[in-house]
Amino acid sequence: MKQGIRTIEKLYDELDRQREARTDLIANTKNLMVNSTRGTSLISVATDNDVLSYAVSEVAHRQIAERLNIPYKYYERMRLDYPELLDQNINGWLARTPEKRMLRTLDGKLRAFLSDRYRRLDNLELVDHVLPVLTEMKGCDIVSCDVTETHLYLKIINKALKTEVVPGDVVQAGFVISNSEIGLGALKVEPLVYRLICKNGMISKDYSHKKYHTGRQVDDTDNAYELYSDATLEADDKAYFLKVQDIVRAAVDETKFALTVDKLRASMEIPTANNPVETVEILGDRYLLNKNERGSILRHFIMGNDLSHYGLVNAITRASQDIEDYNRATELERIGGVLLEDGINAASKRNLVLLPKAA
């Protein structure tokens, strides 16, 4: 499993720093102005008594393009080759169709351009509510955690709930908690299977829980203003986080864990093609893997000396440890779970999995 920030203490330190450095605003788009040069854009926000400026992040660029219905390929072309035209497009549409948007900023950057109904489920508050529950759960341990530019991750295993797929191949039950503060997905609690022999993590496709970031309408005013005090935010979210705590308490389910392990055992009997190179190429095309990811999966697939579907799933989850980006590494752990389900479903229909087409 990919390792991020090494300790929960270091994670807390970073989340606390971000809490102090962030500012959230509600602004009418007619009070926004974008200026771009050489691929870099600044957005200015007019408040009651000041004008604030922030560098626009990659995520915020995508969100602006999507909201204004500007095709992103064209948006990027203007950004690189004709920034003046980009500014005309953005500023023109912001003024022509004014609306209120939430602007989330951190360290001098606009990191998100969101609906004014977006519910802020902040990472520090989430961790504050989750850690006491984990302490109550006997045998639970955080084996990996990180906060990236887009997501928070806590990966937990329950050492008390384990079994063998086959003799000597021990797996433990666990779950992954993830959250995005910038509109890139719901708060999720997903089942995890942790394989001790190689420290792989596979995120199960089934049985996940999601809580969406949809909140109340904000006050009606033309001027930009900072959104809620932290005290108000904490009170507003208390009931919501109580529901999250209940989901976490139920995240390690012995019956669901047993069902997933049964699928892993069944995948041992599912063949892939006799040619590992072709198998991984088909896999890569199906799940949009890049060249380096395919090479890493192929290497672990061959080295594992197991050309069954089980061996392929393990090769993917093992390859996730080679990926530098924590977000992408976690996505490969999810792909491992999706591949397991796809293989079981295909086998139930008496189809071979990932078998190359005849020439």
Protein backbone atom coordinates (compact mmCIF):
# COMPACT_ATOMS: atom_id res chain seq x y z
CA MET A 1 0.00 0.00 0.00
CA LYS A 2 1.23 3.46 -0.91
CA GLN A 3 2.59 5.42 2.04
CA GLY A 4 1.91 9.15 2.29
CA ILE A 5 2.42 11.35 5.35
CA ARG A 6 4.06 8.92 7.72
CA THR A 7 2.15 9.61 10.94
CA ILE A 8 -1.26 10.84 11.97
CA GLU A 9 0.53 13.55 13.98
CA LYS A 10 2.13 14.97 10.81
CA LEU A 11 -1.23 14.79 9.06
CA TYR A 12 -2.80 16.77 11.90
CA ASP A 13 -0.05 19.38 11.69
CA GLU A 14 -0.66 19.90 7.97
CA LEU A 15 -4.44 20.02 8.33
CA ASP A 16 -4.11 22.54 11.15
CA ARG A 17 -1.79 24.67 9.02
CA GLN A 18 -4.25 24.57 6.14
CA ARG A 19 -7.10 25.57 8.43
CA GLU A 20 -5.25 28.74 9.39
CA ALA A 21 -4.18 29.51 5.81
CA ARG A 22 -7.50 29.01 4.03
CA THR A 23 -10.24 31.52 3.22
CA ASP A 24 -13.66 30.74 1.79
CA LEU A 25 -15.68 33.44 0.03
CA ILE A 26 -19.10 33.79 -1.52
CA ALA A 27 -18.91 36.16 -4.50
CA ASN A 28 -21.20 37.38 -7.24
CA THR A 29 -19.48 36.56 -10.52
CA LYS A 30 -19.99 40.12 -11.78
CA ASN A 31 -17.46 41.15 -9.11
CA LEU A 32 -14.79 38.75 -10.41
CA MET A 33 -12.08 39.54 -12.94
CA VAL A 34 -9.49 37.17 -14.45
CA ASN A 35 -6.16 38.30 -15.92
CA SER A 36 -3.89 35.75 -17.65
CA THR A 37 -0.30 35.83 -18.90
CA ARG A 38 1.91 32.99 -20.12
CA GLY A 39 -0.30 30.22 -18.77
CA THR A 40 -0.78 31.81 -15.35
CA SER A 41 -4.11 33.35 -14.34
CA LEU A 42 -5.02 35.62 -11.43
CA ILE A 43 -8.60 36.09 -10.29
CA SER A 44 -9.53 39.33 -8.50
CA VAL A 45 -12.45 39.43 -6.06
CA ALA A 46 -14.05 42.73 -5.07
CA THR A 47 -15.20 42.80 -1.43
CA ASP A 48 -16.80 45.66 0.52
CA ASN A 49 -13.48 47.39 1.22
CA ASP A 50 -10.77 45.55 -0.68
CA VAL A 51 -9.81 43.67 -3.83
CA LEU A 52 -8.34 40.21 -3.23
CA SER A 53 -6.26 38.37 -5.83
CA TYR A 54 -5.51 34.65 -6.10
CA ALA A 55 -3.62 32.46 -8.53
CA VAL A 56 -6.01 30.04 -10.24
CA SER A 57 -5.23 26.35 -9.67
CA GLU A 58 -5.56 23.64 -12.31
CA VAL A 59 -8.68 22.30 -10.63
CA ALA A 60 -10.26 25.76 -10.48
CA HIS A 61 -9.48 26.29 -14.18
CA ARG A 62 -11.39 23.12 -15.03
CA GLN A 63 -14.31 24.12 -12.81
CA ILE A 64 -14.50 27.60 -14.38
CA ALA A 65 -14.44 26.10 -17.88
CA GLU A 66 -17.15 23.60 -16.99
CA ARG A 67 -19.39 26.21 -15.36
CA LEU A 68 -19.09 28.57 -18.35
CA ASN A 69 -19.56 25.74 -20.87
CA ILE A 70 -16.21 26.40 -22.52
CA PRO A 71 -14.77 23.15 -23.98
CA TYR A 72 -11.65 22.45 -21.94
CA LYS A 73 -9.44 21.65 -24.92
CA TYR A 74 -10.27 25.07 -26.37
CA TYR A 75 -9.91 26.66 -22.91
CA GLU A 76 -6.37 25.26 -22.61
CA ARG A 77 -5.47 26.39 -26.12
CA MET A 78 -6.49 29.96 -25.27
CA ARG A 79 -4.68 29.74 -21.95
CA LEU A 80 -1.38 28.81 -23.61
CA ASP A 81 -1.59 30.59 -26.98
CA TYR A 82 -4.02 33.49 -26.58
CA PRO A 83 -4.51 34.43 -22.89
CA GLU A 84 -6.19 37.73 -23.79
CA LEU A 85 -8.96 35.80 -25.55
CA LEU A 86 -9.29 33.50 -22.54
CA ASP A 87 -9.79 36.51 -20.27
CA GLN A 88 -12.40 37.96 -22.64
CA ASN A 89 -14.30 34.66 -22.61
CA ILE A 90 -14.18 34.18 -18.84
CA ASN A 91 -14.89 37.77 -17.84
CA GLY A 92 -17.55 38.20 -20.49
CA TRP A 93 -19.54 35.15 -19.43
CA LEU A 94 -19.07 35.83 -15.69
CA ALA A 95 -20.60 39.28 -16.18
CA ARG A 96 -23.28 38.25 -18.69
CA THR A 97 -24.76 35.50 -16.49
CA PRO A 98 -24.06 36.69 -12.91
CA GLU A 99 -24.54 34.21 -10.09
CA LYS A 100 -23.12 33.50 -6.66
CA ARG A 101 -20.22 31.08 -6.40
CA MET A 102 -18.16 29.74 -3.52
CA LEU A 103 -14.44 30.45 -3.85
CA ARG A 104 -12.18 28.22 -1.75
CA THR A 105 -8.65 29.57 -1.36
CA LEU A 106 -5.48 28.28 0.27
CA ASP A 107 -1.93 29.63 0.32
CA GLY A 108 -2.75 32.42 -2.11
CA LYS A 109 -4.44 30.14 -4.65
CA LEU A 110 -8.02 29.75 -5.79
CA ARG A 111 -8.28 26.01 -5.35
CA ALA A 112 -12.00 25.62 -6.13
CA PHE A 113 -14.82 27.45 -7.95
CA LEU A 114 -18.02 25.91 -6.61
CA SER A 115 -21.76 26.24 -6.19
CA ASP A 116 -22.88 28.51 -3.36
CA ARG A 117 -24.77 25.49 -2.02
CA TYR A 118 -21.61 23.44 -1.65
CA ARG A 119 -21.39 21.97 1.86
CA ARG A 120 -17.91 22.33 3.27
CA LEU A 121 -16.87 19.07 4.91
CA ASP A 122 -13.43 20.11 6.01
CA ASN A 123 -10.68 17.60 6.51
CA LEU A 124 -9.61 18.64 10.00
CA GLU A 125 -13.18 18.44 11.33
CA LEU A 126 -13.59 15.07 9.65
CA VAL A 127 -10.44 13.66 11.27
CA ASP A 128 -11.48 15.14 14.63
CA HIS A 129 -14.75 13.20 14.46
CA VAL A 130 -13.35 9.97 13.04
CA LEU A 131 -10.31 9.37 15.28
CA PRO A 132 -12.31 8.87 18.52
CA VAL A 133 -14.41 6.24 16.74
CA LEU A 134 -11.29 4.43 15.51
CA THR A 135 -9.96 4.41 19.06
CA GLU A 136 -13.15 2.66 20.19
CA MET A 137 -12.83 -0.03 17.49
CA LYS A 138 -10.69 -2.84 18.83
CA GLY A 139 -7.80 -3.82 16.56
CA CYS A 140 -8.09 -0.85 14.19
CA ASP A 141 -4.90 0.79 12.99
CA ILE A 142 -4.21 3.58 10.45
CA VAL A 143 -1.71 2.02 8.02
CA SER A 144 -1.54 4.92 5.57
CA CYS A 145 -2.75 8.52 5.44
CA ASP A 146 -2.18 11.59 3.32
CA VAL A 147 -3.61 14.93 2.27
CA THR A 148 -3.02 15.86 -1.36
CA GLU A 149 -4.02 18.99 -3.25
CA THR A 150 -7.39 17.40 -3.94
CA HIS A 151 -8.15 14.73 -1.30
CA LEU A 152 -7.72 13.51 2.26
CA TYR A 153 -7.16 9.77 2.79
CA LEU A 154 -7.23 7.58 5.90
CA LYS A 155 -6.60 3.87 5.29
CA ILE A 156 -7.47 1.67 8.24
CA ILE A 157 -7.14 -2.06 8.87
CA ASN A 158 -8.70 -4.18 11.60
CA LYS A 159 -6.06 -6.63 12.77
CA ALA A 160 -8.71 -8.61 14.62
CA LEU A 161 -10.58 -9.55 11.46
CA LYS A 162 -8.41 -11.64 9.16
CA THR A 163 -8.44 -14.90 7.24
CA GLU A 164 -6.46 -16.84 4.65
CA VAL A 165 -7.32 -16.80 0.96
CA VAL A 166 -5.23 -19.97 0.78
CA PRO A 167 -2.90 -21.31 3.49
CA GLY A 168 -0.19 -18.73 4.12
CA ASP A 169 -1.90 -15.92 2.16
CA VAL A 170 -3.42 -13.81 4.95
CA VAL A 171 -5.71 -10.85 4.35
CA GLN A 172 -7.17 -8.39 6.83
CA ALA A 173 -10.37 -6.36 6.68
CA GLY A 174 -10.22 -2.60 6.57
CA PHE A 175 -11.67 0.53 5.02
CA VAL A 176 -10.68 3.80 3.36
CA ILE A 177 -12.07 7.20 4.32
CA SER A 178 -11.62 9.86 1.66
CA ASN A 179 -12.84 13.42 1.26
CA SER A 180 -12.39 16.28 -1.18
CA GLU A 181 -12.73 19.86 0.05
CA ILE A 182 -12.75 21.20 -3.52
CA GLY A 183 -15.67 19.48 -5.19
CA LEU A 184 -13.94 16.41 -6.63
CA GLY A 185 -16.15 13.79 -5.05
CA ALA A 186 -18.25 12.82 -2.07
CA LEU A 187 -17.00 11.87 1.34
CA LYS A 188 -16.52 8.11 0.99
CA VAL A 189 -16.09 5.14 3.30
CA GLU A 190 -15.00 2.15 1.19
CA PRO A 191 -14.14 -1.43 2.20
CA LEU A 192 -10.48 -2.39 1.96
CA VAL A 193 -8.77 -5.79 1.84
CA TYR A 194 -5.15 -5.71 3.02
CA ARG A 195 -2.86 -8.54 1.90
CA LEU A 196 -0.07 -9.11 4.42
CA ILE A 197 2.34 -11.01 2.17
CA CYS A 198 3.00 -7.97 -0.02
CA LYS A 199 1.21 -5.18 1.90
CA ASN A 200 -1.19 -4.61 -0.99
CA GLY A 201 -4.49 -2.83 -0.49
CA MET A 202 -7.55 -3.51 -2.65
CA ILE A 203 -10.57 -1.23 -2.36
CA SER A 204 -13.74 -3.23 -2.87
CA LYS A 205 -16.20 -2.02 -5.48
CA ASP A 206 -19.27 -3.00 -3.50
CA TYR A 207 -20.57 -1.86 -0.10
CA SER A 208 -19.15 1.68 -0.14
CA HIS A 209 -20.91 4.62 1.53
CA LYS A 210 -21.00 8.21 0.26
CA LYS A 211 -22.07 11.51 1.79
CA TYR A 212 -22.49 14.38 -0.65
CA HIS A 213 -21.41 18.01 -0.26
CA THR A 214 -24.81 19.68 -0.68
CA GLY A 215 -25.74 22.42 1.76
CA ARG A 216 -28.01 25.38 2.35
CA GLN A 217 -28.47 28.44 0.18
CA VAL A 218 -26.29 31.35 1.29
CA ASP A 219 -27.46 34.90 2.07
CA ASP A 220 -28.42 37.19 -0.80
CA THR A 221 -25.92 40.03 -1.29
CA ASP A 222 -23.90 41.36 -4.21
CA ASN A 223 -20.63 41.88 -2.36
CA ALA A 224 -18.16 39.07 -1.74
CA TYR A 225 -17.80 38.03 1.87
CA GLU A 226 -16.02 35.40 3.93
CA LEU A 227 -18.17 32.37 4.54
CA TYR A 228 -19.19 31.47 8.11
CA SER A 229 -16.94 31.36 11.12
CA ASP A 230 -15.39 28.02 12.00
CA ALA A 231 -17.62 27.85 15.08
CA THR A 232 -20.78 28.21 12.98
CA LEU A 233 -19.48 25.67 10.47
CA GLU A 234 -18.74 23.17 13.24
CA ALA A 235 -22.24 23.53 14.71
CA ASP A 236 -23.86 23.25 11.29
CA ASP A 237 -22.03 20.01 10.52
CA LYS A 238 -22.38 18.29 13.90
CA ALA A 239 -25.38 16.14 12.93
CA TYR A 240 -23.78 15.33 9.61
CA PHE A 241 -20.57 14.09 11.22
CA LEU A 242 -22.55 12.00 13.71
CA LYS A 243 -23.93 10.12 10.70
CA VAL A 244 -20.39 9.72 9.36
CA GLN A 245 -19.30 8.29 12.72
CA ASP A 246 -22.08 5.69 12.51
CA ILE A 247 -20.94 4.71 9.00
CA VAL A 248 -17.34 4.31 10.22
CA ARG A 249 -18.46 2.14 13.16
CA ALA A 250 -20.19 -0.19 10.70
CA ALA A 251 -17.41 -0.10 8.09
CA VAL A 252 -15.77 -3.38 9.12
CA ASP A 253 -18.45 -5.97 8.39
CA GLU A 254 -17.47 -9.60 8.86
CA THR A 255 -20.08 -10.93 6.43
CA LYS A 256 -19.13 -8.54 3.63
CA PHE A 257 -15.45 -9.24 4.23
CA ALA A 258 -16.10 -12.99 3.93
CA LEU A 259 -17.96 -12.45 0.65
CA THR A 260 -15.03 -10.48 -0.79
CA VAL A 261 -12.55 -13.16 0.29
CA ASP A 262 -14.75 -15.80 -1.39
CA LYS A 263 -14.50 -13.77 -4.61
CA LEU A 264 -10.71 -13.66 -4.26
CA ARG A 265 -10.63 -17.45 -3.92
CA ALA A 266 -12.92 -17.84 -6.93
CA SER A 267 -10.66 -15.55 -8.99
CA MET A 268 -7.84 -18.08 -8.60
CA GLU A 269 -9.78 -20.41 -10.88
CA ILE A 270 -10.34 -17.79 -13.58
CA PRO A 271 -7.69 -17.88 -16.32
CA THR A 272 -6.31 -14.91 -18.19
CA ALA A 273 -4.60 -15.20 -21.55
CA ASN A 274 -1.40 -17.21 -21.82
CA ASN A 275 0.45 -14.11 -22.98
CA PRO A 276 0.97 -11.67 -20.03
CA VAL A 277 1.98 -8.82 -22.34
CA GLU A 278 -1.29 -9.00 -24.29
CA THR A 279 -3.26 -9.39 -21.08
CA VAL A 280 -1.79 -6.23 -19.57
CA GLU A 281 -2.27 -4.30 -22.82
CA ILE A 282 -5.96 -5.19 -22.87
CA LEU A 283 -6.18 -4.31 -19.18
CA GLY A 284 -4.50 -0.97 -19.82
CA ASP A 285 -6.86 -0.10 -22.65
CA ARG A 286 -9.90 -1.04 -20.61
CA TYR A 287 -8.93 0.91 -17.49
CA LEU A 288 -7.00 3.78 -19.16
CA LEU A 289 -3.59 2.97 -17.68
CA ASN A 290 -0.52 4.87 -18.82
CA LYS A 291 2.71 3.36 -20.12
CA ASN A 292 4.54 3.34 -16.78
CA GLU A 293 1.55 1.80 -14.99
CA ARG A 294 1.31 -0.95 -17.59
CA GLY A 295 5.01 -1.68 -17.28
CA SER A 296 4.83 -1.91 -13.49
CA ILE A 297 1.75 -4.18 -13.59
CA LEU A 298 3.39 -6.45 -16.19
CA ARG A 299 6.54 -6.75 -14.09
CA HIS A 300 4.62 -7.72 -10.94
CA PHE A 301 2.30 -10.02 -12.92
CA ILE A 302 5.25 -12.01 -14.27
CA MET A 303 7.23 -11.94 -11.03
CA GLY A 304 4.19 -13.18 -9.11
CA ASN A 305 4.22 -16.35 -11.21
CA ASP A 306 0.43 -16.47 -11.16
CA LEU A 307 -1.38 -15.87 -14.45
CA SER A 308 -4.83 -16.30 -12.94
CA HIS A 309 -7.25 -13.44 -12.45
CA TYR A 310 -6.18 -13.38 -8.80
CA GLY A 311 -2.59 -12.87 -9.88
CA LEU A 312 -3.61 -9.99 -12.14
CA VAL A 313 -5.57 -8.27 -9.35
CA ASN A 314 -2.54 -8.59 -7.06
CA ALA A 315 -0.24 -7.23 -9.76
CA ILE A 316 -2.38 -4.09 -10.06
CA THR A 317 -2.57 -3.46 -6.33
CA ARG A 318 1.16 -4.15 -5.95
CA ALA A 319 1.91 -1.71 -8.79
CA SER A 320 0.03 1.00 -6.89
CA GLN A 321 2.99 1.14 -4.49
CA ASP A 322 5.24 2.19 -7.39
CA ILE A 323 3.08 5.20 -8.30
CA GLU A 324 4.43 8.54 -7.03
CA ASP A 325 1.07 10.32 -6.90
CA TYR A 326 -1.01 9.22 -3.90
CA ASN A 327 -4.32 9.98 -5.64
CA ARG A 328 -3.42 7.79 -8.59
CA ALA A 329 -2.03 5.04 -6.36
CA THR A 330 -5.38 4.93 -4.55
CA GLU A 331 -7.19 4.81 -7.89
CA LEU A 332 -5.17 1.70 -8.85
CA GLU A 333 -6.28 0.10 -5.59
CA ARG A 334 -9.86 0.83 -6.67
CA ILE A 335 -9.20 -0.58 -10.14
CA GLY A 336 -8.04 -3.79 -8.47
CA GLY A 337 -11.45 -4.07 -6.79
CA VAL A 338 -13.29 -3.28 -10.02
CA LEU A 339 -11.25 -5.88 -11.90
CA LEU A 340 -12.10 -8.52 -9.30
CA GLU A 341 -15.83 -7.83 -9.74
CA ASP A 342 -15.55 -7.74 -13.53
CA GLY A 343 -13.74 -11.08 -13.52
CA ILE A 344 -16.29 -12.77 -11.26
CA ASN A 345 -19.18 -11.42 -13.34
CA ALA A 346 -17.58 -12.50 -16.60
CA ALA A 347 -16.79 -15.96 -15.25
CA SER A 348 -20.39 -16.39 -14.14
CA LYS A 349 -21.36 -15.88 -17.77
CA ARG A 350 -18.72 -18.46 -18.79
CA ASN A 351 -16.51 -15.87 -20.42
CA LEU A 352 -12.75 -15.81 -20.12
CA VAL A 353 -11.41 -12.54 -18.74
CA LEU A 354 -9.12 -10.27 -20.72
CA LEU A 355 -8.54 -12.89 -23.39
CA PRO A 356 -7.03 -11.25 -26.50
CA LYS A 357 -9.18 -11.33 -29.60
CA ALA A 358 -8.15 -13.72 -32.32
CA ALA A 359 -6.23 -12.09 -35.19
